[in-house]
């Protein structure tokens, strides 16, 4: 299982073959993991990925476990 590499930031184009874009706005993206990529935080396969370049983000109750990863310019929220 390939783990998302966020060492030098996250570039969705490196993983576009296995991520399906569900929604995109100017500073955010919501993607589905269709290729079984592993979470960069815990190493387990994740279901959904939210990527944001915003300074502030708020979320409702995801009703599932999740991991948060910070790069220099982004916040990644991965649900399992």
C-alpha atoms as a PDB file:
ATOM      1  CA  UNK A   1       0.000   0.000   0.000  1.00  0.00           C
ATOM      2  CA  UNK A   2       1.535   3.307  -1.114  1.00  0.00           C
ATOM      3  CA  UNK A   3       1.689   5.952   1.606  1.00  0.00           C
ATOM      4  CA  UNK A   4       1.007   9.588   0.683  1.00  0.00           C
ATOM      5  CA  UNK A   5       4.311  11.460   0.741  1.00  0.00           C
ATOM      6  CA  UNK A   6       3.958  14.849   2.428  1.00  0.00           C
ATOM      7  CA  UNK A   7       7.634  15.409   3.248  1.00  0.00           C
ATOM      8  CA  UNK A   8       7.885  18.380   0.853  1.00  0.00           C
ATOM      9  CA  UNK A   9       4.189  19.300   0.872  1.00  0.00           C
ATOM     10  CA  UNK A  10       1.318  17.490  -0.805  1.00  0.00           C
ATOM     11  CA  UNK A  11       0.732  17.599  -4.569  1.00  0.00           C
ATOM     12  CA  UNK A  12      -2.555  15.979  -5.577  1.00  0.00           C
ATOM     13  CA  UNK A  13      -1.232  15.504  -9.124  1.00  0.00           C
ATOM     14  CA  UNK A  14       1.237  12.903  -7.837  1.00  0.00           C
ATOM     15  CA  UNK A  15      -1.726  10.715  -6.773  1.00  0.00           C
ATOM     16  CA  UNK A  16      -4.475  11.702  -9.231  1.00  0.00           C
ATOM     17  CA  UNK A  17      -4.575   8.180 -10.693  1.00  0.00           C
ATOM     18  CA  UNK A  18      -6.088   6.908  -7.438  1.00  0.00           C
ATOM     19  CA  UNK A  19      -7.930   9.906  -5.981  1.00  0.00           C
ATOM     20  CA  UNK A  20     -11.362  10.990  -7.228  1.00  0.00           C
ATOM     21  CA  UNK A  21     -12.144  14.670  -6.878  1.00  0.00           C
ATOM     22  CA  UNK A  22     -15.577  15.246  -5.296  1.00  0.00           C
ATOM     23  CA  UNK A  23     -15.455  19.002  -4.719  1.00  0.00           C
ATOM     24  CA  UNK A  24     -13.003  21.814  -5.226  1.00  0.00           C
ATOM     25  CA  UNK A  25     -13.058  25.458  -4.268  1.00  0.00           C
ATOM     26  CA  UNK A  26     -10.341  28.081  -4.443  1.00  0.00           C
ATOM     27  CA  UNK A  27      -8.462  26.870  -1.345  1.00  0.00           C
ATOM     28  CA  UNK A  28      -9.966  23.433  -0.636  1.00  0.00           C
ATOM     29  CA  UNK A  29     -10.402  19.992  -2.216  1.00  0.00           C
ATOM     30  CA  UNK A  30     -12.411  16.947  -1.139  1.00  0.00           C
ATOM     31  CA  UNK A  31     -11.183  13.636  -2.584  1.00  0.00           C
ATOM     32  CA  UNK A  32     -12.023   9.930  -2.369  1.00  0.00           C
ATOM     33  CA  UNK A  33      -9.269   7.322  -2.042  1.00  0.00           C
ATOM     34  CA  UNK A  34      -9.962   4.797  -4.821  1.00  0.00           C
ATOM     35  CA  UNK A  35      -6.525   3.194  -4.936  1.00  0.00           C
ATOM     36  CA  UNK A  36      -5.981   2.169  -1.307  1.00  0.00           C
ATOM     37  CA  UNK A  37      -3.381   4.809  -0.452  1.00  0.00           C
ATOM     38  CA  UNK A  38      -2.108   4.797   3.128  1.00  0.00           C
ATOM     39  CA  UNK A  39      -2.481   7.716   5.517  1.00  0.00           C
ATOM     40  CA  UNK A  40       0.761   9.667   6.048  1.00  0.00           C
ATOM     41  CA  UNK A  41      -0.019   9.993   9.780  1.00  0.00           C
ATOM     42  CA  UNK A  42      -0.960   6.456  10.855  1.00  0.00           C
ATOM     43  CA  UNK A  43      -0.180   4.243   7.841  1.00  0.00           C
ATOM     44  CA  UNK A  44      -3.711   2.799   7.580  1.00  0.00           C
ATOM     45  CA  UNK A  45      -5.785   3.053   4.422  1.00  0.00           C
ATOM     46  CA  UNK A  46      -8.030   6.131   4.438  1.00  0.00           C
ATOM     47  CA  UNK A  47     -11.422   6.717   2.802  1.00  0.00           C
ATOM     48  CA  UNK A  48     -11.631  10.463   2.180  1.00  0.00           C
ATOM     49  CA  UNK A  49      -9.148  13.323   2.036  1.00  0.00           C
ATOM     50  CA  UNK A  50      -9.831  17.004   2.638  1.00  0.00           C
ATOM     51  CA  UNK A  51      -7.009  19.377   1.618  1.00  0.00           C
ATOM     52  CA  UNK A  52      -7.081  23.025   2.647  1.00  0.00           C
ATOM     53  CA  UNK A  53      -4.805  26.008   2.202  1.00  0.00           C
ATOM     54  CA  UNK A  54      -7.027  28.131   4.485  1.00  0.00           C
ATOM     55  CA  UNK A  55      -5.718  29.313   7.846  1.00  0.00           C
ATOM     56  CA  UNK A  56      -9.001  28.408   9.578  1.00  0.00           C
ATOM     57  CA  UNK A  57     -11.243  25.418   8.921  1.00  0.00           C
ATOM     58  CA  UNK A  58     -14.233  24.100  10.828  1.00  0.00           C
ATOM     59  CA  UNK A  59     -15.774  20.650  10.609  1.00  0.00           C
ATOM     60  CA  UNK A  60     -18.902  18.990  11.848  1.00  0.00           C
ATOM     61  CA  UNK A  61     -18.807  15.620  13.587  1.00  0.00           C
ATOM     62  CA  UNK A  62     -17.241  13.230  11.037  1.00  0.00           C
ATOM     63  CA  UNK A  63     -18.700  10.203  12.906  1.00  0.00           C
ATOM     64  CA  UNK A  64     -15.521   8.269  12.121  1.00  0.00           C
ATOM     65  CA  UNK A  65     -11.867   8.260  13.103  1.00  0.00           C
ATOM     66  CA  UNK A  66      -9.615  10.760  11.354  1.00  0.00           C
ATOM     67  CA  UNK A  67      -6.015  11.961  11.129  1.00  0.00           C
ATOM     68  CA  UNK A  68      -4.717  15.487  10.565  1.00  0.00           C
ATOM     69  CA  UNK A  69      -1.437  16.230   8.781  1.00  0.00           C
ATOM     70  CA  UNK A  70       0.103  19.680   8.390  1.00  0.00           C
ATOM     71  CA  UNK A  71       2.511  20.659   5.633  1.00  0.00           C
ATOM     72  CA  UNK A  72       4.068  24.097   5.197  1.00  0.00           C
ATOM     73  CA  UNK A  73       1.114  25.353   3.166  1.00  0.00           C
ATOM     74  CA  UNK A  74      -1.718  22.884   3.737  1.00  0.00           C
ATOM     75  CA  UNK A  75      -3.811  21.008   6.262  1.00  0.00           C
ATOM     76  CA  UNK A  76      -4.852  17.464   5.302  1.00  0.00           C
ATOM     77  CA  UNK A  77      -7.743  15.770   7.097  1.00  0.00           C
ATOM     78  CA  UNK A  78      -8.038  12.054   6.337  1.00  0.00           C
ATOM     79  CA  UNK A  79     -11.067  10.016   7.425  1.00  0.00           C
ATOM     80  CA  UNK A  80     -10.854   6.269   8.017  1.00  0.00           C
END
